[in-house]
Each structure stands twice: as structure tokens, then as C-alpha cells.
Amino acid sequence: MNNRLVKKIGKRILSEANDLKRTVKALSHDIRVDESHLQKVIDGGCSLEESYDILRKMGAVYPIDISELYIQDSDRTNSVKIMTAQESLKSSRVFDR
């Protein structure tokens, strides 16, 4: 599951770099990270911590809110949670007026 998350974060980093009008080369220079390592992060070929490290470095250099760059990993498959009728009943909300 982390592999999917790392790839999503890599795409988010590239998207933010594009928004900032920065190439991978320019971004690597600005945040003082080796370009080949940054490309590896963007491609999703690194650890989750390495991805987060790049986000932190971007936040230290650029006027961006890095909380908008973090992606939460979902515990759902295809964004759907299947519940039985019994599970649904347990979560029902009933109000007395």
C-alpha cells in the first residue's frame, strides 16, 4: 500500500513544481537535492520518508502550505466500503424531537 502512496506523492511533487514553474532540474537546485534522487522520488522509487523529506524541503524554500501536499492513504479499495445491513444499523443516527 505504501508503494501506491509514494507514487501519488511523487506525482503531487511534480504537479506542485509545475505550478511553481520549476523544472525537475530547477527544483533540485532550489531545494539542494541531487536531481537523480529527486527524479527517483517523483517516479515513486523511494521510501515514504524520502518523499516526506522532499515535501518539507519544498515548504522551507517556497511560499507554499505543505499540508496541502500531503496525501492520506486510503483504507478503501476503489473508494468503496461495503457494509452489511447489520453494520449500517449500528451506525444509524436517530433523533428524538
C-alpha atoms as a PDB file:
ATOM      1  CA  MET A   1       0.000   0.000   0.000  1.00  0.00           C
ATOM      2  CA  ASN A   2       2.873   2.409   0.730  1.00  0.00           C
ATOM      3  CA  ASN A   3       4.176   1.958  -2.811  1.00  0.00           C
ATOM      4  CA  ARG A   4       0.930   3.399  -4.194  1.00  0.00           C
ATOM      5  CA  LEU A   5       1.103   6.280  -1.726  1.00  0.00           C
ATOM      6  CA  VAL A   6       4.747   7.051  -2.605  1.00  0.00           C
ATOM      7  CA  LYS A   7       3.848   7.201  -6.306  1.00  0.00           C
ATOM      8  CA  LYS A   8       0.936   9.549  -5.580  1.00  0.00           C
ATOM      9  CA  ILE A   9       3.175  11.837  -3.536  1.00  0.00           C
ATOM     10  CA  GLY A  10       5.750  11.826  -6.351  1.00  0.00           C
ATOM     11  CA  LYS A  11       3.075  12.955  -8.797  1.00  0.00           C
ATOM     12  CA  ARG A  12       1.956  15.621  -6.316  1.00  0.00           C
ATOM     13  CA  ILE A  13       5.536  16.913  -6.011  1.00  0.00           C
ATOM     14  CA  LEU A  14       5.830  17.177  -9.794  1.00  0.00           C
ATOM     15  CA  SER A  15       2.446  18.902 -10.006  1.00  0.00           C
ATOM     16  CA  GLU A  16       3.482  21.470  -7.394  1.00  0.00           C
ATOM     17  CA  ALA A  17       6.789  22.040  -9.192  1.00  0.00           C
ATOM     18  CA  ASN A  18       4.837  22.679 -12.391  1.00  0.00           C
ATOM     19  CA  ASP A  19       2.575  25.133 -10.533  1.00  0.00           C
ATOM     20  CA  LEU A  20       5.698  26.920  -9.310  1.00  0.00           C
ATOM     21  CA  LYS A  21       7.045  26.963 -12.889  1.00  0.00           C
ATOM     22  CA  ARG A  22      10.028  24.858 -11.833  1.00  0.00           C
ATOM     23  CA  THR A  23      11.573  22.032 -13.825  1.00  0.00           C
ATOM     24  CA  VAL A  24      12.912  18.998 -12.003  1.00  0.00           C
ATOM     25  CA  LYS A  25      16.404  20.393 -12.503  1.00  0.00           C
ATOM     26  CA  ALA A  26      15.446  23.819 -11.114  1.00  0.00           C
ATOM     27  CA  LEU A  27      13.569  22.249  -8.200  1.00  0.00           C
ATOM     28  CA  SER A  28      16.520  20.034  -7.290  1.00  0.00           C
ATOM     29  CA  HIS A  29      18.796  23.084  -7.344  1.00  0.00           C
ATOM     30  CA  ASP A  30      16.429  25.184  -5.227  1.00  0.00           C
ATOM     31  CA  ILE A  31      15.925  22.561  -2.517  1.00  0.00           C
ATOM     32  CA  ARG A  32      19.527  21.326  -2.724  1.00  0.00           C
ATOM     33  CA  VAL A  33      18.786  17.725  -3.619  1.00  0.00           C
ATOM     34  CA  ASP A  34      20.565  15.665  -6.251  1.00  0.00           C
ATOM     35  CA  GLU A  35      18.499  15.734  -9.452  1.00  0.00           C
ATOM     36  CA  SER A  36      18.649  11.958  -9.925  1.00  0.00           C
ATOM     37  CA  HIS A  37      17.409  11.419  -6.360  1.00  0.00           C
ATOM     38  CA  LEU A  38      14.574  13.909  -6.889  1.00  0.00           C
ATOM     39  CA  GLN A  39      13.582  12.136 -10.104  1.00  0.00           C
ATOM     40  CA  LYS A  40      13.567   8.845  -8.195  1.00  0.00           C
ATOM     41  CA  VAL A  41      11.204  10.394  -5.626  1.00  0.00           C
ATOM     42  CA  ILE A  42       8.947  11.778  -8.359  1.00  0.00           C
ATOM     43  CA  ASP A  43       8.857   8.357 -10.033  1.00  0.00           C
ATOM     44  CA  GLY A  44       7.868   6.723  -6.727  1.00  0.00           C
ATOM     45  CA  GLY A  45      11.052   4.686  -6.442  1.00  0.00           C
ATOM     46  CA  CYS A  46      11.918   5.704  -2.891  1.00  0.00           C
ATOM     47  CA  SER A  47      10.700   5.363   0.666  1.00  0.00           C
ATOM     48  CA  LEU A  48       7.767   7.241   2.134  1.00  0.00           C
ATOM     49  CA  GLU A  49      10.124   9.128   4.448  1.00  0.00           C
ATOM     50  CA  GLU A  50      12.223  10.293   1.483  1.00  0.00           C
ATOM     51  CA  SER A  51       9.067  11.632  -0.160  1.00  0.00           C
ATOM     52  CA  TYR A  52       8.094  13.493   3.006  1.00  0.00           C
ATOM     53  CA  ASP A  53      11.622  14.893   3.234  1.00  0.00           C
ATOM     54  CA  ILE A  54      11.256  16.435  -0.235  1.00  0.00           C
ATOM     55  CA  LEU A  55       7.906  17.957   0.774  1.00  0.00           C
ATOM     56  CA  ARG A  56       9.494  19.511   3.870  1.00  0.00           C
ATOM     57  CA  LYS A  57      12.354  20.931   1.815  1.00  0.00           C
ATOM     58  CA  MET A  58       9.928  22.416  -0.688  1.00  0.00           C
ATOM     59  CA  GLY A  59       7.995  24.028   2.164  1.00  0.00           C
ATOM     60  CA  ALA A  60      11.190  25.552   3.544  1.00  0.00           C
ATOM     61  CA  VAL A  61      12.122  27.125   0.198  1.00  0.00           C
ATOM     62  CA  TYR A  62       8.841  28.059  -1.479  1.00  0.00           C
ATOM     63  CA  PRO A  63       5.884  30.062  -0.135  1.00  0.00           C
ATOM     64  CA  ILE A  64       3.569  27.044  -0.105  1.00  0.00           C
ATOM     65  CA  ASP A  65       1.482  25.265   2.513  1.00  0.00           C
ATOM     66  CA  ILE A  66       2.953  21.770   2.551  1.00  0.00           C
ATOM     67  CA  SER A  67      -0.062  20.409   4.404  1.00  0.00           C
ATOM     68  CA  GLU A  68      -1.838  20.663   1.048  1.00  0.00           C
ATOM     69  CA  LEU A  69       0.808  18.405  -0.499  1.00  0.00           C
ATOM     70  CA  TYR A  70       0.444  15.525   1.952  1.00  0.00           C
ATOM     71  CA  ILE A  71      -1.774  12.715   0.745  1.00  0.00           C
ATOM     72  CA  GLN A  72      -3.580  10.394   3.118  1.00  0.00           C
ATOM     73  CA  ASP A  73      -3.508   6.732   2.220  1.00  0.00           C
ATOM     74  CA  SER A  74      -6.966   5.247   1.969  1.00  0.00           C
ATOM     75  CA  ASP A  75      -8.004   2.049   3.670  1.00  0.00           C
ATOM     76  CA  ARG A  76     -10.645   1.541   0.991  1.00  0.00           C
ATOM     77  CA  THR A  77     -10.457  -0.366  -2.274  1.00  0.00           C
ATOM     78  CA  ASN A  78     -11.737   1.725  -5.158  1.00  0.00           C
ATOM     79  CA  SER A  79     -13.075   4.264  -2.625  1.00  0.00           C
ATOM     80  CA  VAL A  80     -15.936   1.990  -1.581  1.00  0.00           C
ATOM     81  CA  LYS A  81     -16.697   0.473   1.808  1.00  0.00           C
ATOM     82  CA  ILE A  82     -19.208  -2.332   1.714  1.00  0.00           C
ATOM     83  CA  MET A  83     -21.259  -2.651   4.882  1.00  0.00           C
ATOM     84  CA  THR A  84     -23.769  -5.285   5.865  1.00  0.00           C
ATOM     85  CA  ALA A  85     -27.250  -4.162   6.905  1.00  0.00           C
ATOM     86  CA  GLN A  86     -26.325  -5.011  10.490  1.00  0.00           C
ATOM     87  CA  GLU A  87     -23.187  -2.785  10.348  1.00  0.00           C
ATOM     88  CA  SER A  88     -25.208   0.017   8.819  1.00  0.00           C
ATOM     89  CA  LEU A  89     -27.849  -0.226  11.537  1.00  0.00           C
ATOM     90  CA  LYS A  90     -25.155   0.123  14.220  1.00  0.00           C
ATOM     91  CA  SER A  91     -24.097   3.446  12.718  1.00  0.00           C
ATOM     92  CA  SER A  92     -27.581   4.874  12.226  1.00  0.00           C
ATOM     93  CA  ARG A  93     -28.437   8.209  13.767  1.00  0.00           C
ATOM     94  CA  VAL A  94     -31.848   8.586  15.331  1.00  0.00           C
ATOM     95  CA  PHE A  95     -33.032  11.872  16.800  1.00  0.00           C
ATOM     96  CA  ASP A  96     -35.949  12.353  19.168  1.00  0.00           C
ATOM     97  CA  ARG A  97     -37.669  15.719  18.894  1.00  0.00           C
END
